[in-house]
């Protein structure tokens, strides 16, 4: 009985450890880069969408957008990701930064509460 339980648990443990090591956003030196910049948005739904466009993506360690300051803080692996790519991902889900504008069609598809005054 113990052997059959071990056979069932081992693949799950291996899968979890492979998943966590693949999701690690460190470069070859083990160093993460960090960037902060403004992302226009209004509410908690905006926060979820903005952060969701980055969190879980290859090369991203963590993304945290503050709706009060409109600033996002992102840690990333510079061997995979850079600030320009990060801003393009955010614009791709409808949110503008100071250097990247979301396509009008994508912005217009945001819920009404998420349609901020565009710069």
N, C-alpha and C. Protein backbone atom coordinates (compact mmCIF):
# COMPACT_ATOMS: atom_id res chain seq x y z
N UNK A 1 0.82 -1.19 0.00
CA UNK A 1 0.00 0.00 0.00
C UNK A 1 0.87 1.26 0.00
N UNK A 2 1.93 1.29 0.82
CA UNK A 2 2.80 2.46 0.88
C UNK A 2 3.46 2.72 -0.46
N UNK A 3 3.86 1.66 -1.16
CA UNK A 3 4.52 1.83 -2.46
C UNK A 3 3.56 2.43 -3.48
N UNK A 4 2.31 2.04 -3.47
CA UNK A 4 1.37 2.58 -4.45
C UNK A 4 1.07 4.05 -4.17
N UNK A 5 1.01 4.44 -2.91
CA UNK A 5 0.80 5.84 -2.57
C UNK A 5 2.00 6.66 -2.99
N UNK A 6 3.20 6.14 -2.77
CA UNK A 6 4.42 6.84 -3.16
C UNK A 6 4.46 7.02 -4.68
N UNK A 7 4.03 6.00 -5.43
CA UNK A 7 4.01 6.12 -6.89
C UNK A 7 3.04 7.21 -7.34
N UNK A 8 1.96 7.40 -6.62
CA UNK A 8 0.99 8.43 -6.98
C UNK A 8 1.48 9.83 -6.59
N UNK A 9 2.15 9.95 -5.47
CA UNK A 9 2.59 11.25 -4.96
C UNK A 9 3.84 11.75 -5.68
N UNK A 10 4.78 10.89 -5.99
CA UNK A 10 6.06 11.29 -6.59
C UNK A 10 5.89 12.11 -7.86
N UNK A 11 5.07 11.69 -8.85
CA UNK A 11 4.93 12.53 -10.04
C UNK A 11 4.38 13.92 -9.73
N UNK A 12 3.48 14.01 -8.76
CA UNK A 12 2.93 15.31 -8.40
C UNK A 12 4.00 16.21 -7.80
N UNK A 13 4.85 15.65 -6.95
CA UNK A 13 5.94 16.43 -6.33
C UNK A 13 6.92 16.88 -7.40
N UNK A 14 7.28 16.00 -8.31
CA UNK A 14 8.21 16.35 -9.39
C UNK A 14 7.59 17.45 -10.25
N UNK A 15 6.31 17.34 -10.57
CA UNK A 15 5.64 18.35 -11.37
C UNK A 15 5.64 19.70 -10.70
N UNK A 16 5.40 19.75 -9.40
CA UNK A 16 5.39 21.01 -8.67
C UNK A 16 6.79 21.61 -8.66
N UNK A 17 7.81 20.81 -8.42
CA UNK A 17 9.16 21.37 -8.37
C UNK A 17 9.62 21.82 -9.75
N UNK A 18 9.20 21.14 -10.81
CA UNK A 18 9.53 21.60 -12.15
C UNK A 18 8.82 22.91 -12.46
N UNK A 19 7.57 23.01 -12.05
CA UNK A 19 6.79 24.22 -12.29
C UNK A 19 7.42 25.41 -11.57
N UNK A 20 7.79 25.26 -10.34
CA UNK A 20 8.34 26.39 -9.59
C UNK A 20 9.71 26.78 -10.13
N UNK A 21 10.50 25.84 -10.59
CA UNK A 21 11.81 26.23 -11.10
C UNK A 21 11.69 26.89 -12.47
N UNK A 22 10.68 26.52 -13.28
CA UNK A 22 10.49 27.16 -14.57
C UNK A 22 9.93 28.57 -14.42
N UNK A 23 9.19 28.82 -13.37
CA UNK A 23 8.58 30.12 -13.17
C UNK A 23 9.51 31.11 -12.51
N UNK A 24 10.71 30.71 -12.18
CA UNK A 24 11.66 31.58 -11.50
C UNK A 24 12.22 32.60 -12.48
N UNK A 25 12.16 33.87 -12.16
CA UNK A 25 12.59 34.92 -13.07
C UNK A 25 13.97 35.44 -12.71
N UNK A 26 14.95 34.58 -12.68
CA UNK A 26 16.30 35.00 -12.38
C UNK A 26 17.18 34.81 -13.60
N UNK A 27 18.12 35.73 -13.79
CA UNK A 27 19.05 35.57 -14.89
C UNK A 27 20.15 34.60 -14.49
N UNK A 28 21.14 34.42 -15.34
CA UNK A 28 22.17 33.43 -15.08
C UNK A 28 22.98 33.75 -13.83
N UNK A 29 23.01 35.01 -13.41
CA UNK A 29 23.72 35.39 -12.19
C UNK A 29 22.80 35.33 -10.97
N UNK A 30 21.54 34.97 -11.18
CA UNK A 30 20.60 34.91 -10.07
C UNK A 30 20.06 36.28 -9.69
N UNK A 31 20.28 37.29 -10.54
CA UNK A 31 19.84 38.65 -10.24
C UNK A 31 18.59 38.99 -11.02
N UNK A 32 17.65 39.62 -10.35
CA UNK A 32 16.46 40.14 -11.01
C UNK A 32 16.62 41.64 -11.20
N UNK A 33 16.04 42.15 -12.25
CA UNK A 33 15.98 43.59 -12.44
C UNK A 33 14.61 44.05 -11.98
N UNK A 34 14.52 45.32 -11.64
CA UNK A 34 13.25 45.88 -11.19
C UNK A 34 13.02 47.19 -11.94
N UNK A 35 11.78 47.40 -12.34
CA UNK A 35 11.41 48.65 -12.98
C UNK A 35 10.10 49.14 -12.38
N UNK A 36 9.92 50.43 -12.40
CA UNK A 36 8.68 51.05 -11.94
C UNK A 36 8.29 52.12 -12.94
N UNK A 37 7.02 52.18 -13.30
CA UNK A 37 6.54 53.20 -14.21
C UNK A 37 5.03 53.35 -14.05
N UNK A 38 4.50 54.41 -14.65
CA UNK A 38 3.08 54.73 -14.53
C UNK A 38 2.28 53.92 -15.54
N UNK A 39 1.13 53.38 -15.07
CA UNK A 39 0.17 52.70 -15.93
C UNK A 39 -1.19 53.31 -15.59
N UNK A 40 -1.87 53.82 -16.60
CA UNK A 40 -3.17 54.45 -16.38
C UNK A 40 -4.24 53.38 -16.15
N UNK A 41 -5.10 53.64 -15.18
CA UNK A 41 -6.19 52.74 -14.83
C UNK A 41 -6.97 53.34 -13.67
N UNK A 42 -8.05 52.68 -13.27
CA UNK A 42 -8.94 53.26 -12.27
C UNK A 42 -9.19 52.41 -11.03
N UNK A 43 -9.39 51.12 -11.20
CA UNK A 43 -10.04 50.35 -10.14
C UNK A 43 -9.37 48.99 -9.89
N UNK A 44 -10.00 48.23 -9.03
CA UNK A 44 -9.51 46.90 -8.71
C UNK A 44 -9.53 45.96 -9.90
N UNK A 45 -10.52 46.13 -10.78
CA UNK A 45 -10.54 45.30 -12.00
C UNK A 45 -9.36 45.64 -12.89
N UNK A 46 -9.02 46.93 -12.96
CA UNK A 46 -7.84 47.35 -13.72
C UNK A 46 -6.60 46.67 -13.15
N UNK A 47 -6.50 46.73 -11.83
CA UNK A 47 -5.34 46.13 -11.15
C UNK A 47 -5.20 44.66 -11.51
N UNK A 48 -6.30 43.95 -11.45
CA UNK A 48 -6.29 42.52 -11.75
C UNK A 48 -5.85 42.25 -13.20
N UNK A 49 -6.35 43.06 -14.13
CA UNK A 49 -6.01 42.88 -15.54
C UNK A 49 -4.57 43.27 -15.83
N UNK A 50 -4.14 44.39 -15.29
CA UNK A 50 -2.76 44.86 -15.51
C UNK A 50 -1.76 43.85 -14.95
N UNK A 51 -1.94 43.48 -13.70
CA UNK A 51 -1.03 42.51 -13.08
C UNK A 51 -1.14 41.16 -13.77
N UNK A 52 -2.35 40.78 -14.16
CA UNK A 52 -2.56 39.49 -14.82
C UNK A 52 -1.89 39.40 -16.18
N UNK A 53 -1.68 40.55 -16.83
CA UNK A 53 -1.00 40.53 -18.13
C UNK A 53 0.47 40.16 -17.98
N UNK A 54 0.99 40.23 -16.75
CA UNK A 54 2.41 39.97 -16.51
C UNK A 54 2.67 38.76 -15.61
N UNK A 55 1.98 38.70 -14.47
CA UNK A 55 2.24 37.62 -13.52
C UNK A 55 2.02 36.26 -14.17
N UNK A 56 2.98 35.38 -13.99
CA UNK A 56 2.92 34.05 -14.58
C UNK A 56 3.57 33.97 -15.95
N UNK A 57 3.97 35.10 -16.51
CA UNK A 57 4.63 35.11 -17.82
C UNK A 57 6.11 34.77 -17.67
N UNK A 58 6.66 34.12 -18.66
CA UNK A 58 8.07 33.78 -18.64
C UNK A 58 8.91 35.05 -18.51
N UNK A 59 9.82 35.05 -17.58
CA UNK A 59 10.72 36.18 -17.38
C UNK A 59 10.23 37.20 -16.37
N UNK A 60 8.99 37.05 -15.89
CA UNK A 60 8.44 37.98 -14.91
C UNK A 60 8.48 37.34 -13.53
N UNK A 61 9.05 38.06 -12.58
CA UNK A 61 9.07 37.58 -11.20
C UNK A 61 7.77 37.95 -10.51
N UNK A 62 7.46 39.25 -10.48
CA UNK A 62 6.25 39.72 -9.83
C UNK A 62 5.89 41.09 -10.38
N UNK A 63 4.59 41.35 -10.49
CA UNK A 63 4.10 42.65 -10.91
C UNK A 63 3.06 43.10 -9.89
N UNK A 64 3.18 44.36 -9.47
CA UNK A 64 2.26 44.91 -8.48
C UNK A 64 1.91 46.34 -8.86
N UNK A 65 0.62 46.57 -9.21
CA UNK A 65 0.15 47.89 -9.60
C UNK A 65 -0.62 48.52 -8.46
N UNK A 66 -0.34 49.77 -8.16
CA UNK A 66 -1.01 50.50 -7.09
C UNK A 66 -2.01 51.47 -7.73
N UNK A 67 -3.31 51.24 -7.48
CA UNK A 67 -4.32 52.08 -8.12
C UNK A 67 -4.29 53.52 -7.62
N UNK A 68 -3.79 53.76 -6.42
CA UNK A 68 -3.70 55.12 -5.89
C UNK A 68 -2.65 55.95 -6.59
N UNK A 69 -1.48 55.38 -6.77
CA UNK A 69 -0.37 56.11 -7.40
C UNK A 69 -0.29 55.88 -8.90
N UNK A 70 -0.99 54.85 -9.39
CA UNK A 70 -0.96 54.44 -10.80
C UNK A 70 0.43 53.91 -11.21
N UNK A 71 1.22 53.52 -10.23
CA UNK A 71 2.57 53.02 -10.50
C UNK A 71 2.60 51.50 -10.41
N UNK A 72 3.34 50.89 -11.33
CA UNK A 72 3.55 49.45 -11.29
C UNK A 72 5.01 49.18 -10.98
N UNK A 73 5.23 48.16 -10.19
CA UNK A 73 6.56 47.70 -9.87
C UNK A 73 6.67 46.28 -10.41
N UNK A 74 7.70 46.04 -11.22
CA UNK A 74 7.86 44.73 -11.86
C UNK A 74 9.28 44.24 -11.66
N UNK A 75 9.41 43.01 -11.18
CA UNK A 75 10.72 42.35 -11.16
C UNK A 75 10.74 41.38 -12.33
N UNK A 76 11.89 41.31 -12.99
CA UNK A 76 11.97 40.49 -14.20
C UNK A 76 13.39 40.01 -14.44
N UNK A 77 13.49 38.98 -15.26
CA UNK A 77 14.76 38.41 -15.66
C UNK A 77 15.21 39.13 -16.93
N UNK A 78 16.27 39.94 -16.87
CA UNK A 78 16.68 40.73 -18.03
C UNK A 78 17.22 39.90 -19.20
N UNK A 79 17.47 38.62 -18.97
CA UNK A 79 17.92 37.79 -20.09
C UNK A 79 16.73 37.31 -20.94
N UNK A 80 15.51 37.51 -20.42
CA UNK A 80 14.30 37.07 -21.12
C UNK A 80 13.38 38.26 -21.43
N UNK A 81 13.31 39.20 -20.52
CA UNK A 81 12.32 40.27 -20.57
C UNK A 81 13.02 41.62 -20.47
N UNK A 82 12.35 42.66 -20.96
CA UNK A 82 12.84 44.02 -20.77
C UNK A 82 11.65 44.96 -20.59
N UNK A 83 11.92 46.21 -20.26
CA UNK A 83 10.84 47.15 -19.96
C UNK A 83 9.93 47.39 -21.16
N UNK A 84 10.50 47.44 -22.35
CA UNK A 84 9.69 47.65 -23.55
C UNK A 84 8.68 46.50 -23.74
N UNK A 85 9.12 45.27 -23.58
CA UNK A 85 8.23 44.11 -23.71
C UNK A 85 7.15 44.13 -22.64
N UNK A 86 7.52 44.54 -21.44
CA UNK A 86 6.56 44.62 -20.33
C UNK A 86 5.47 45.62 -20.68
N UNK A 87 5.86 46.79 -21.16
CA UNK A 87 4.89 47.83 -21.50
C UNK A 87 3.99 47.40 -22.65
N UNK A 88 4.54 46.66 -23.60
CA UNK A 88 3.73 46.16 -24.72
C UNK A 88 2.68 45.15 -24.24
N UNK A 89 3.04 44.31 -23.27
CA UNK A 89 2.08 43.35 -22.72
C UNK A 89 0.94 44.08 -22.02
N UNK A 90 1.26 45.13 -21.29
CA UNK A 90 0.24 45.91 -20.59
C UNK A 90 -0.66 46.62 -21.60
N UNK A 91 -0.07 47.23 -22.61
CA UNK A 91 -0.86 47.90 -23.65
C UNK A 91 -1.74 46.88 -24.39
N UNK A 92 -1.27 45.66 -24.50
CA UNK A 92 -2.03 44.62 -25.20
C UNK A 92 -3.34 44.26 -24.53
N UNK A 93 -3.47 44.57 -23.23
CA UNK A 93 -4.73 44.29 -22.53
C UNK A 93 -5.54 45.57 -22.30
N UNK A 94 -5.11 46.70 -22.91
CA UNK A 94 -5.92 47.90 -22.90
C UNK A 94 -5.45 49.07 -22.06
N UNK A 95 -4.26 48.99 -21.49
CA UNK A 95 -3.82 50.04 -20.57
C UNK A 95 -2.60 50.78 -21.10
N UNK A 96 -2.65 52.11 -21.01
CA UNK A 96 -1.57 52.96 -21.51
C UNK A 96 -0.50 53.16 -20.46
N UNK A 97 0.72 53.30 -20.95
CA UNK A 97 1.83 53.79 -20.14
C UNK A 97 2.25 55.11 -20.77
N UNK A 98 3.23 55.77 -20.22
CA UNK A 98 3.64 57.05 -20.80
C UNK A 98 4.31 56.88 -22.16
N UNK A 99 4.78 55.67 -22.48
CA UNK A 99 5.46 55.48 -23.77
C UNK A 99 4.75 54.48 -24.70
N UNK A 100 3.75 53.76 -24.22
CA UNK A 100 3.04 52.77 -25.04
C UNK A 100 1.53 52.97 -24.88
N UNK A 101 0.85 53.12 -25.99
CA UNK A 101 -0.59 53.35 -25.98
C UNK A 101 -1.30 52.08 -26.45
N UNK A 102 -2.33 51.69 -25.71
CA UNK A 102 -3.13 50.54 -26.09
C UNK A 102 -3.90 50.87 -27.37
N UNK A 103 -4.17 49.85 -28.18
CA UNK A 103 -4.98 50.06 -29.38
C UNK A 103 -6.37 50.50 -28.94
N UNK A 104 -6.96 51.43 -29.70
CA UNK A 104 -8.28 51.96 -29.35
C UNK A 104 -9.32 50.85 -29.20
N UNK A 105 -9.29 49.88 -30.08
CA UNK A 105 -10.26 48.78 -30.02
C UNK A 105 -10.17 48.00 -28.71
N UNK A 106 -8.95 47.77 -28.25
CA UNK A 106 -8.75 47.04 -27.00
C UNK A 106 -9.18 47.90 -25.82
N UNK A 107 -8.78 49.17 -25.82
CA UNK A 107 -9.18 50.09 -24.75
C UNK A 107 -10.71 50.19 -24.69
N UNK A 108 -11.36 50.35 -25.84
CA UNK A 108 -12.81 50.51 -25.88
C UNK A 108 -13.56 49.27 -25.42
N UNK A 109 -12.89 48.12 -25.42
CA UNK A 109 -13.54 46.88 -24.96
C UNK A 109 -13.44 46.70 -23.44
N UNK A 110 -12.70 47.58 -22.76
CA UNK A 110 -12.61 47.51 -21.30
C UNK A 110 -13.97 47.85 -20.69
N UNK A 111 -14.29 47.28 -19.52
CA UNK A 111 -15.52 47.69 -18.83
C UNK A 111 -15.52 49.19 -18.59
N UNK A 112 -16.70 49.78 -18.49
CA UNK A 112 -16.83 51.24 -18.32
C UNK A 112 -16.02 51.78 -17.16
N UNK A 113 -16.00 51.06 -16.03
CA UNK A 113 -15.27 51.55 -14.87
C UNK A 113 -13.76 51.56 -15.09
N UNK A 114 -13.31 50.81 -16.07
CA UNK A 114 -11.87 50.71 -16.35
C UNK A 114 -11.42 51.70 -17.44
N UNK A 115 -12.36 52.39 -18.06
CA UNK A 115 -11.99 53.34 -19.12
C UNK A 115 -11.60 54.67 -18.49
N UNK A 116 -10.32 54.80 -18.27
CA UNK A 116 -9.70 55.97 -17.65
C UNK A 116 -9.59 57.09 -18.67
N UNK A 117 -9.33 58.30 -18.21
CA UNK A 117 -9.06 59.42 -19.10
C UNK A 117 -7.69 59.19 -19.73
N UNK A 118 -7.68 59.03 -21.04
CA UNK A 118 -6.41 58.72 -21.72
C UNK A 118 -5.55 59.98 -21.84
N UNK A 119 -4.27 59.79 -21.62
CA UNK A 119 -3.34 60.95 -21.72
C UNK A 119 -3.20 61.42 -23.17
